[in-house]
């Protein structure tokens, strides 16, 4: 590469990275997908988020240990290749890019649902088409512009969530009557009066893990930003230590307040449950404001996911595990090829929203859960493999070691395997398991036909040169 060739730029500060991860993980899964999780588990969904959040935090610490020790673009696909082998790294990188594509499809689907709140007679696919072109153009900007916009979008929804938590707690503590909703009784008793804390049994809570884990998807983006972060050894530990706990707090407290002020059986799947609740309580203006917030949240999540896919494919292209075109950068230092490919693939969302406008979100969420949990599992296994090859002196020199080693990572690995069992057990999510296994099988064939054959050709050339 020449000196004048474009290169990745370290233009992301600590606040950019922190809010980028919040932007990806606090989005559609909370504002829209939480309705599906509540329907499955009732109030016990709070316990599901706590358990899932603990496993996610352990995964993030494993990623942080590797990223601080070796901050590179491509992050966990690179680590899987380095510590587990070329084949696991290939599966990890492509599976993550696939999950980002599918989660974007889910997000643009949710965006169409949100816009239906104001324009119920307009076909959803029209909104989906518009947002695909807008986000695609945005991702071609420089990383600094991207990070700054993502910061403000994420700050908007985090502020809205915090304000709603405070307002909801005030309603509960002071017994404030809300609007014209005299038929709605707010109070903590809503958490157990409508069938108990486990209205659908423990099995209902377990079934909700498919949506719960989907909601946490995107938090691993912190590791991807290592190649463009300023002072990654300082920035990454701060971001990793703060974001998972904040996400868990936002999810648990937010759903706690929602289910306390509004009976959970009435929280349906039409539109965002946040907007539905405040509209049902007779607060029309608040519902309008919240719809603006959830729309910005969808924009933020789609934006972050395309960014993540671009950076992971850039790292894989550099290591020869993806076409070389994915490593080409624009003059702004942006891997533009992935943006074009993702934008084109997202046009599929227009067709899907036209064909399956009602049940599309749950199907896509389950497929994403399989792919993202696979990536999290590979992150954990990569960290374990790294540790096994390190000397005691090298372990002691780690700047950001995993806590509770080795029990913590082992428990997280078992939990990730458990999620695969959940997907296969319930009929609603079983298709996601089949799609996921089929995807891994397809990747395995692609690896053998492309990577293995490529290596064989290079080896033969080397032997011919030596002879």
Protein backbone atom coordinates (compact mmCIF):
# COMPACT_ATOMS: atom_id res chain seq x y z
CA UNK A 1 0.00 0.00 0.00
CA UNK A 2 1.39 3.44 -0.92
CA UNK A 3 1.87 6.26 1.53
CA UNK A 4 -0.99 8.18 -0.09
CA UNK A 5 -3.44 5.28 0.06
CA UNK A 6 -6.44 5.73 2.37
CA UNK A 7 -6.18 4.08 5.77
CA UNK A 8 -8.38 3.47 8.80
CA UNK A 9 -8.37 6.50 11.07
CA UNK A 10 -8.43 6.59 14.86
CA UNK A 11 -11.19 9.17 15.08
CA UNK A 12 -13.39 7.61 17.78
CA UNK A 13 -13.16 8.98 21.30
CA UNK A 14 -14.32 7.29 24.51
CA UNK A 15 -17.75 8.94 24.37
CA UNK A 16 -18.18 7.91 20.73
CA UNK A 17 -17.44 4.26 21.50
CA UNK A 18 -19.54 4.16 24.64
CA UNK A 19 -22.60 5.59 22.96
CA UNK A 20 -22.09 3.61 19.76
CA UNK A 21 -22.42 0.38 21.73
CA UNK A 22 -25.44 1.80 23.54
CA UNK A 23 -26.86 2.85 20.20
CA UNK A 24 -26.62 -0.64 18.77
CA UNK A 25 -27.75 -2.57 21.83
CA UNK A 26 -30.47 -0.22 23.14
CA UNK A 27 -32.67 -0.10 20.12
CA UNK A 28 -35.27 -2.28 18.47
CA UNK A 29 -34.81 -5.10 20.96
CA UNK A 30 -35.98 -2.85 23.80
CA UNK A 31 -38.38 -0.46 22.07
CA UNK A 32 -40.18 -3.08 19.96
CA UNK A 33 -38.95 -6.60 20.71
CA UNK A 34 -39.64 -6.25 24.43
CA UNK A 35 -43.36 -6.66 23.65
CA UNK A 36 -42.71 -10.18 22.35
CA UNK A 37 -40.55 -11.02 25.38
CA UNK A 38 -43.20 -9.74 27.80
CA UNK A 39 -45.88 -11.74 26.00
CA UNK A 40 -43.82 -14.93 26.45
CA UNK A 41 -42.64 -14.48 30.04
CA UNK A 42 -44.79 -11.81 31.69
CA UNK A 43 -43.05 -10.06 34.61
CA UNK A 44 -40.47 -12.87 34.84
CA UNK A 45 -38.86 -11.34 31.76
CA UNK A 46 -37.02 -9.11 34.26
CA UNK A 47 -35.21 -12.18 35.59
CA UNK A 48 -34.39 -13.26 32.03
CA UNK A 49 -32.74 -9.89 31.32
CA UNK A 50 -30.71 -10.10 34.54
CA UNK A 51 -29.44 -13.62 33.78
CA UNK A 52 -28.70 -12.78 30.15
CA UNK A 53 -26.98 -9.55 31.17
CA UNK A 54 -24.61 -11.41 33.50
CA UNK A 55 -23.53 -13.74 30.69
CA UNK A 56 -23.12 -10.81 28.31
CA UNK A 57 -20.91 -8.95 30.77
CA UNK A 58 -18.63 -11.97 31.10
CA UNK A 59 -18.42 -12.24 27.31
CA UNK A 60 -17.56 -8.55 27.07
CA UNK A 61 -14.78 -8.91 29.62
CA UNK A 62 -13.35 -11.80 27.62
CA UNK A 63 -13.44 -9.63 24.49
CA UNK A 64 -11.92 -6.74 26.41
CA UNK A 65 -9.02 -8.86 27.64
CA UNK A 66 -8.10 -9.72 24.05
CA UNK A 67 -8.83 -6.27 22.57
CA UNK A 68 -6.73 -4.40 25.13
CA UNK A 69 -3.87 -6.85 24.68
CA UNK A 70 -4.07 -6.65 20.87
CA UNK A 71 -6.32 -3.83 19.50
CA UNK A 72 -6.92 -4.60 15.81
CA UNK A 73 -9.54 -3.98 13.15
CA UNK A 74 -11.73 -7.02 12.67
CA UNK A 75 -11.43 -7.77 16.37
CA UNK A 76 -13.04 -11.06 17.38
CA UNK A 77 -12.85 -12.64 13.90
CA UNK A 78 -9.11 -11.96 14.09
CA UNK A 79 -8.89 -13.42 17.60
CA UNK A 80 -10.83 -16.54 16.60
CA UNK A 81 -8.44 -17.05 13.68
CA UNK A 82 -5.38 -16.44 15.85
CA UNK A 83 -6.34 -18.61 18.82
CA UNK A 84 -8.80 -21.19 17.44
CA UNK A 85 -7.72 -21.50 13.81
CA UNK A 86 -8.56 -20.20 10.35
CA UNK A 87 -11.81 -22.14 10.03
CA UNK A 88 -13.43 -20.91 13.30
CA UNK A 89 -12.27 -17.39 12.44
CA UNK A 90 -13.89 -17.66 9.02
CA UNK A 91 -17.16 -18.87 10.54
CA UNK A 92 -17.10 -16.16 13.20
CA UNK A 93 -16.48 -13.21 10.89
CA UNK A 94 -19.01 -14.19 8.25
CA UNK A 95 -21.61 -15.16 10.88
CA UNK A 96 -21.26 -11.75 12.48
CA UNK A 97 -21.66 -9.97 9.15
CA UNK A 98 -24.72 -12.17 8.51
CA UNK A 99 -26.19 -11.33 11.93
CA UNK A 100 -25.68 -7.60 11.31
CA UNK A 101 -27.48 -7.92 7.99
CA UNK A 102 -30.43 -9.78 9.51
CA UNK A 103 -30.67 -7.46 12.52
CA UNK A 104 -30.71 -4.53 10.10
CA UNK A 105 -33.62 -6.22 8.34
CA UNK A 106 -35.37 -6.49 11.72
CA UNK A 107 -34.60 -2.85 12.50
CA UNK A 108 -35.89 -1.50 9.19
CA UNK A 109 -38.99 -3.66 9.71
CA UNK A 110 -39.52 -2.05 13.11
CA UNK A 111 -38.96 1.38 11.55
CA UNK A 112 -41.84 0.71 9.18
CA UNK A 113 -44.03 -0.28 12.14
CA UNK A 114 -43.15 2.93 14.01
CA UNK A 115 -44.03 5.10 11.01
CA UNK A 116 -47.39 3.31 10.79
CA UNK A 117 -48.31 4.97 14.09
CA UNK A 118 -48.56 8.30 12.23
CA UNK A 119 -49.31 7.02 8.73
CA UNK A 120 -51.40 3.85 9.14
CA UNK A 121 -52.58 3.86 5.52
CA UNK A 122 -49.09 4.06 3.98
CA UNK A 123 -47.52 0.68 3.08
CA UNK A 124 -44.60 -0.10 5.38
CA UNK A 125 -42.26 -1.06 2.56
CA UNK A 126 -42.17 2.57 1.38
CA UNK A 127 -40.64 3.68 4.71
CA UNK A 128 -38.21 0.78 4.60
CA UNK A 129 -37.01 1.79 1.13
CA UNK A 130 -36.39 5.37 2.23
CA UNK A 131 -34.43 4.48 5.35
CA UNK A 132 -32.17 2.06 3.47
CA UNK A 133 -30.96 4.81 1.12
CA UNK A 134 -30.57 7.35 3.94
CA UNK A 135 -28.49 5.11 6.21
CA UNK A 136 -26.38 3.87 3.31
CA UNK A 137 -25.37 7.43 2.43
CA UNK A 138 -24.66 8.24 6.08
CA UNK A 139 -22.25 5.32 6.45
CA UNK A 140 -20.10 6.62 3.59
CA UNK A 141 -19.13 9.63 5.72
CA UNK A 142 -15.89 9.74 7.72
CA UNK A 143 -15.76 7.76 10.95
CA UNK A 144 -15.58 10.95 13.02
CA UNK A 145 -18.82 12.27 11.48
CA UNK A 146 -20.40 8.87 11.96
CA UNK A 147 -19.30 8.68 15.61
CA UNK A 148 -20.54 12.19 16.37
CA UNK A 149 -23.97 11.60 14.86
CA UNK A 150 -24.24 8.25 16.61
CA UNK A 151 -23.35 9.92 19.89
CA UNK A 152 -26.23 12.38 19.63
CA UNK A 153 -28.76 9.80 18.42
CA UNK A 154 -27.84 7.49 21.29
CA UNK A 155 -27.84 10.34 23.80
CA UNK A 156 -31.39 11.20 22.74
CA UNK A 157 -32.77 7.75 23.43
CA UNK A 158 -30.74 7.21 26.61
CA UNK A 159 -32.06 10.54 27.95
CA UNK A 160 -35.61 9.55 26.97
CA UNK A 161 -35.31 6.19 28.72
CA UNK A 162 -33.88 7.78 31.88
CA UNK A 163 -36.64 10.42 31.89
CA UNK A 164 -39.30 7.76 31.44
CA UNK A 165 -37.89 5.71 34.30
CA UNK A 166 -37.95 8.74 36.60
CA UNK A 167 -41.48 9.72 35.50
CA UNK A 168 -42.72 6.15 35.87
CA UNK A 169 -41.27 5.83 39.35
CA UNK A 170 -42.95 9.13 40.27
CA UNK A 171 -46.28 7.75 39.06
CA UNK A 172 -45.82 4.66 41.24
CA UNK A 173 -44.55 6.42 44.35
CA UNK A 174 -46.96 9.37 44.40
CA UNK A 175 -49.96 7.61 42.84
CA UNK A 176 -50.30 10.14 40.02
CA UNK A 177 -53.35 9.63 37.83
CA UNK A 178 -52.44 9.48 34.17
CA UNK A 179 -54.69 11.13 31.59
CA UNK A 180 -58.11 9.62 30.99
CA UNK A 181 -57.04 6.06 31.68
CA UNK A 182 -59.27 5.53 34.68
CA UNK A 183 -59.62 1.86 33.84
CA UNK A 184 -55.88 1.34 34.25
CA UNK A 185 -54.57 0.74 37.76
CA UNK A 186 -50.90 1.44 38.25
CA UNK A 187 -48.89 -0.19 41.00
CA UNK A 188 -46.34 -2.84 41.86
CA UNK A 189 -49.19 -5.33 42.19
CA UNK A 190 -49.33 -5.44 38.38
CA UNK A 191 -46.18 -7.56 38.57
CA UNK A 192 -48.00 -10.48 40.23
CA UNK A 193 -51.78 -9.89 40.01
CA UNK A 194 -52.19 -11.05 36.43
CA UNK A 195 -51.21 -14.70 36.69
CA UNK A 196 -48.29 -14.28 39.07
CA UNK A 197 -44.66 -13.38 38.46
CA UNK A 198 -44.33 -16.50 36.24
CA UNK A 199 -47.72 -16.40 34.46
CA UNK A 200 -46.54 -18.83 31.76
CA UNK A 201 -44.33 -20.85 34.09
CA UNK A 202 -40.57 -21.09 34.08
CA UNK A 203 -40.80 -22.38 30.51
CA UNK A 204 -42.26 -19.03 29.46
CA UNK A 205 -39.28 -17.21 30.93
CA UNK A 206 -36.88 -19.60 29.19
CA UNK A 207 -38.69 -19.09 25.88
CA UNK A 208 -38.19 -15.33 26.20
CA UNK A 209 -34.39 -15.78 26.06
CA UNK A 210 -34.65 -15.88 22.26
CA UNK A 211 -35.80 -12.25 22.26
CA UNK A 212 -33.82 -11.19 25.33
CA UNK A 213 -30.48 -12.22 23.82
CA UNK A 214 -31.43 -10.57 20.54
CA UNK A 215 -31.90 -7.35 22.49
CA UNK A 216 -28.31 -7.43 23.77
CA UNK A 217 -26.91 -7.92 20.27
CA UNK A 218 -24.61 -5.11 19.22
CA UNK A 219 -22.83 -4.57 22.50
CA UNK A 220 -19.82 -6.51 21.16
CA UNK A 221 -19.25 -3.61 18.77
CA UNK A 222 -16.89 -2.12 21.36
CA UNK A 223 -14.31 -4.71 20.32
CA UNK A 224 -14.70 -3.82 16.65
CA UNK A 225 -13.90 -0.17 17.36
CA UNK A 226 -10.43 -1.10 18.67
CA UNK A 227 -8.83 -0.37 15.30
CA UNK A 228 -10.25 3.17 15.19
CA UNK A 229 -10.17 4.11 18.87
CA UNK A 230 -7.89 6.73 20.33
CA UNK A 231 -5.80 5.20 23.18
CA UNK A 232 -7.59 1.80 23.05
CA UNK A 233 -5.80 0.55 26.19
CA UNK A 234 -7.58 3.27 28.19
CA UNK A 235 -10.79 3.72 26.24
CA UNK A 236 -11.87 0.08 25.87
CA UNK A 237 -11.77 -0.92 29.57
CA UNK A 238 -13.82 2.13 30.53
CA UNK A 239 -16.39 1.46 27.82
CA UNK A 240 -16.66 -2.24 28.59
CA UNK A 241 -16.99 -1.73 32.34
CA UNK A 242 -19.72 0.88 31.99
CA UNK A 243 -21.86 -0.09 29.03
CA UNK A 244 -23.02 -3.63 29.96
CA UNK A 245 -24.15 -2.54 33.41
CA UNK A 246 -25.88 0.51 32.01
CA UNK A 247 -27.69 -1.55 29.39
CA UNK A 248 -28.82 -4.03 32.02
CA UNK A 249 -30.01 -1.17 34.21
CA UNK A 250 -31.91 0.46 31.38
CA UNK A 251 -33.60 -2.78 30.31
CA UNK A 252 -34.56 -4.02 33.76
CA UNK A 253 -35.64 -0.67 35.21
CA UNK A 254 -37.50 0.36 32.06
CA UNK A 255 -39.52 -2.85 31.78
CA UNK A 256 -40.10 -2.86 35.54
CA UNK A 257 -41.67 0.60 35.32
CA UNK A 258 -43.69 -0.23 32.21
CA UNK A 259 -45.19 -3.41 33.66
CA UNK A 260 -45.90 -1.70 36.97
CA UNK A 261 -47.81 1.26 35.52
CA UNK A 262 -49.62 -0.77 32.86
CA UNK A 263 -50.85 -4.41 33.17
CA UNK A 264 -48.52 -6.61 31.13
CA UNK A 265 -51.29 -8.67 29.36
CA UNK A 266 -52.37 -5.47 27.60
CA UNK A 267 -48.92 -4.89 26.16
CA UNK A 268 -49.37 -6.20 22.62
CA UNK A 269 -47.10 -6.40 19.60
CA UNK A 270 -48.61 -3.59 17.50
CA UNK A 271 -46.06 -0.80 17.39
CA UNK A 272 -43.66 0.03 20.17
CA UNK A 273 -44.95 -1.01 23.63
CA UNK A 274 -43.64 2.32 24.95
CA UNK A 275 -45.84 4.32 22.58
CA UNK A 276 -48.77 1.95 23.09
CA UNK A 277 -48.61 2.27 26.86
CA UNK A 278 -48.53 6.06 26.98
CA UNK A 279 -51.18 6.33 24.29
CA UNK A 280 -53.36 3.87 26.23
CA UNK A 281 -52.89 5.91 29.39
CA UNK A 282 -54.31 8.93 27.58
CA UNK A 283 -51.05 10.85 27.20
CA UNK A 284 -51.14 11.51 23.46
CA UNK A 285 -48.34 14.06 23.33
CA UNK A 286 -46.00 11.78 25.29
CA UNK A 287 -46.77 8.95 22.88
CA UNK A 288 -45.87 11.19 19.94
CA UNK A 289 -42.58 12.22 21.56
CA UNK A 290 -41.78 8.58 22.34
CA UNK A 291 -42.45 7.58 18.76
CA UNK A 292 -39.87 10.15 17.65
CA UNK A 293 -37.45 8.62 20.15
CA UNK A 294 -37.99 5.03 19.00
CA UNK A 295 -37.58 6.10 15.37
CA UNK A 296 -34.24 7.73 16.22
CA UNK A 297 -33.34 4.54 18.10
CA UNK A 298 -34.00 2.46 14.99
CA UNK A 299 -31.88 4.83 12.89
CA UNK A 300 -29.09 4.60 15.45
CA UNK A 301 -29.19 0.80 15.58
CA UNK A 302 -29.18 0.38 11.78
CA UNK A 303 -26.37 2.89 11.51
CA UNK A 304 -24.24 1.06 14.09
CA UNK A 305 -24.89 -2.37 12.61
CA UNK A 306 -23.76 -1.36 9.12
CA UNK A 307 -20.66 0.20 10.67
CA UNK A 308 -19.90 -3.05 12.53
CA UNK A 309 -20.39 -5.22 9.45
CA UNK A 310 -18.04 -2.99 7.45
CA UNK A 311 -15.26 -3.15 10.01
CA UNK A 312 -15.47 -6.91 10.54
CA UNK A 313 -15.36 -7.57 6.78
CA UNK A 314 -12.45 -5.14 6.41
CA UNK A 315 -10.45 -7.13 8.94
CA UNK A 316 -11.34 -10.43 7.29
CA UNK A 317 -10.39 -9.13 3.83
CA UNK A 318 -7.00 -8.13 5.19
CA UNK A 319 -6.45 -11.68 6.44
CA UNK A 320 -7.59 -13.24 3.15
CA UNK A 321 -10.88 -14.60 4.51
CA UNK A 322 -13.08 -12.26 2.47
CA UNK A 323 -12.79 -10.77 -1.03
CA UNK A 324 -10.04 -8.17 -1.26
CA UNK A 325 -12.58 -5.56 -2.41
CA UNK A 326 -13.89 -5.36 1.18
CA UNK A 327 -10.55 -3.91 2.28
CA UNK A 328 -10.77 -0.96 -0.09
CA UNK A 329 -11.21 2.35 1.68
CA UNK A 330 -12.70 5.61 0.52
CA UNK A 331 -10.77 8.86 0.87
CA UNK A 332 -12.50 9.24 4.25
CA UNK A 333 -11.01 5.94 5.45
CA UNK A 334 -14.34 4.09 5.22
CA UNK A 335 -14.64 0.49 3.86
CA UNK A 336 -17.22 1.52 1.28
CA UNK A 337 -17.74 -1.86 -0.38
CA UNK A 338 -19.51 -3.32 2.66
CA UNK A 339 -21.80 -0.30 2.86
CA UNK A 340 -22.83 -0.84 -0.76
CA UNK A 341 -23.33 -4.60 -0.28
CA UNK A 342 -25.30 -4.14 2.97
CA UNK A 343 -27.46 -1.43 1.44
CA UNK A 344 -28.23 -3.61 -1.55
CA UNK A 345 -29.02 -6.60 0.66
CA UNK A 346 -31.29 -4.46 2.82
CA UNK A 347 -33.45 -3.86 -0.21
CA UNK A 348 -34.53 -7.43 0.51
CA UNK A 349 -36.22 -5.95 3.56
CA UNK A 350 -38.48 -3.96 1.25
CA UNK A 351 -39.67 -7.19 -0.40
CA UNK A 352 -40.02 -9.05 2.93
CA UNK A 353 -42.07 -6.23 4.44
CA UNK A 354 -44.31 -6.35 1.40
CA UNK A 355 -44.78 -10.13 1.60
CA UNK A 356 -44.81 -10.71 5.39
CA UNK A 357 -45.80 -7.45 7.12
CA UNK A 358 -47.06 -9.05 10.35
CA UNK A 359 -44.76 -11.86 11.57
CA UNK A 360 -41.45 -10.81 10.06
CA UNK A 361 -39.86 -9.29 13.17
CA UNK A 362 -40.05 -12.40 15.39
CA UNK A 363 -38.65 -14.60 12.60
CA UNK A 364 -35.70 -12.27 12.00
CA UNK A 365 -35.04 -11.81 15.74
CA UNK A 366 -34.71 -15.57 16.23
CA UNK A 367 -32.28 -15.92 13.30
CA UNK A 368 -30.18 -13.06 14.69
CA UNK A 369 -30.14 -14.70 18.12
CA UNK A 370 -28.54 -17.84 16.69
CA UNK A 371 -25.88 -15.94 14.74
CA UNK A 372 -24.98 -13.49 17.49
CA UNK A 373 -24.86 -16.15 20.21
CA UNK A 374 -22.53 -18.16 17.96
CA UNK A 375 -20.24 -15.13 17.76
CA UNK A 376 -20.36 -14.63 21.54
CA UNK A 377 -19.50 -18.29 22.04
CA UNK A 378 -16.49 -17.94 19.72
CA UNK A 379 -15.34 -14.85 21.65
CA UNK A 380 -15.41 -16.80 24.91
CA UNK A 381 -13.65 -19.82 23.42
CA UNK A 382 -11.01 -17.57 21.84
CA UNK A 383 -10.22 -16.00 25.19
CA UNK A 384 -9.94 -19.42 26.84
CA UNK A 385 -7.63 -20.62 24.05
CA UNK A 386 -5.51 -17.48 24.39
CA UNK A 387 -5.11 -18.00 28.13
CA UNK A 388 -4.12 -21.64 27.67
CA UNK A 389 -1.21 -20.61 25.47
CA UNK A 390 0.01 -17.83 27.75
CA UNK A 391 2.74 -18.14 30.35
CA UNK A 392 2.14 -17.11 33.94
CA UNK A 393 4.23 -13.98 33.37
CA UNK A 394 2.12 -13.01 30.35
CA UNK A 395 -1.10 -13.52 32.32
CA UNK A 396 0.17 -11.34 35.15
CA UNK A 397 1.01 -8.63 32.60
CA UNK A 398 -2.58 -8.42 31.30
CA UNK A 399 -3.98 -4.90 31.72
CA UNK A 400 -7.66 -5.95 31.69
CA UNK A 401 -7.97 -9.59 32.82
CA UNK A 402 -11.27 -11.49 32.91
CA UNK A 403 -12.78 -11.64 36.43
CA UNK A 404 -13.62 -14.95 38.12
CA UNK A 405 -11.28 -16.90 35.86
CA UNK A 406 -11.85 -19.71 34.91
CA UNK A 407 -15.32 -20.22 36.42
CA UNK A 408 -16.86 -17.05 34.96
CA UNK A 409 -16.05 -17.74 31.29
CA UNK A 410 -17.00 -21.42 31.72
CA UNK A 411 -20.46 -20.49 33.03
CA UNK A 412 -20.95 -18.04 30.16
CA UNK A 413 -19.98 -20.72 27.62
CA UNK A 414 -22.52 -23.15 29.11
CA UNK A 415 -25.18 -20.44 28.98
CA UNK A 416 -24.53 -19.74 25.28
CA UNK A 417 -24.89 -23.44 24.51
CA UNK A 418 -28.12 -23.42 26.52
CA UNK A 419 -29.52 -20.67 24.26
CA UNK A 420 -29.05 -22.93 21.22
CA UNK A 421 -31.11 -25.57 23.03
CA UNK A 422 -33.82 -22.97 23.72
CA UNK A 423 -34.02 -22.08 20.04
CA UNK A 424 -34.41 -25.72 19.09
CA UNK A 425 -36.93 -26.60 21.80
CA UNK A 426 -39.67 -24.09 21.04
CA UNK A 427 -41.59 -24.35 17.73
CA UNK A 428 -41.68 -20.55 17.31
CA UNK A 429 -37.88 -20.31 17.17
CA UNK A 430 -36.93 -23.75 15.81
CA UNK A 431 -36.69 -22.43 12.27
CA UNK A 432 -33.93 -20.07 13.43
CA UNK A 433 -31.87 -23.08 14.56
CA UNK A 434 -32.35 -24.76 11.19
CA UNK A 435 -31.41 -21.56 9.33
CA UNK A 436 -28.37 -21.09 11.58
CA UNK A 437 -27.11 -24.64 11.11
CA UNK A 438 -27.72 -24.35 7.38
CA UNK A 439 -25.75 -21.09 7.32
CA UNK A 440 -22.78 -22.67 9.12
CA UNK A 441 -22.91 -25.64 6.71
CA UNK A 442 -22.93 -23.26 3.74
CA UNK A 443 -19.97 -21.37 5.19
CA UNK A 444 -18.12 -24.65 5.71
CA UNK A 445 -18.55 -25.51 2.04
CA UNK A 446 -17.45 -22.01 1.06
CA UNK A 447 -14.37 -22.30 3.27
CA UNK A 448 -13.36 -25.58 1.66
CA UNK A 449 -13.95 -24.35 -1.89
CA UNK A 450 -12.33 -20.95 -1.45
CA UNK A 451 -9.89 -20.72 1.47
CA UNK A 452 -8.59 -24.30 1.45
CA UNK A 453 -8.24 -24.33 -2.35
CA UNK A 454 -6.55 -20.92 -2.22
CA UNK A 455 -4.05 -22.17 0.34
CA UNK A 456 -3.41 -25.27 -1.76
CA UNK A 457 -2.71 -23.13 -4.83
CA UNK A 458 -0.28 -20.94 -2.89
CA UNK A 459 1.49 -24.01 -1.49
CA UNK A 460 1.89 -25.50 -4.97
CA UNK A 461 3.28 -22.22 -6.29
CA UNK A 462 5.76 -22.10 -3.44
CA UNK A 463 6.92 -25.67 -4.15
CA UNK A 464 7.33 -24.89 -7.86
CA UNK A 465 9.43 -21.84 -7.06
CA UNK A 466 11.68 -23.85 -4.73
CA UNK A 467 12.11 -26.61 -7.29
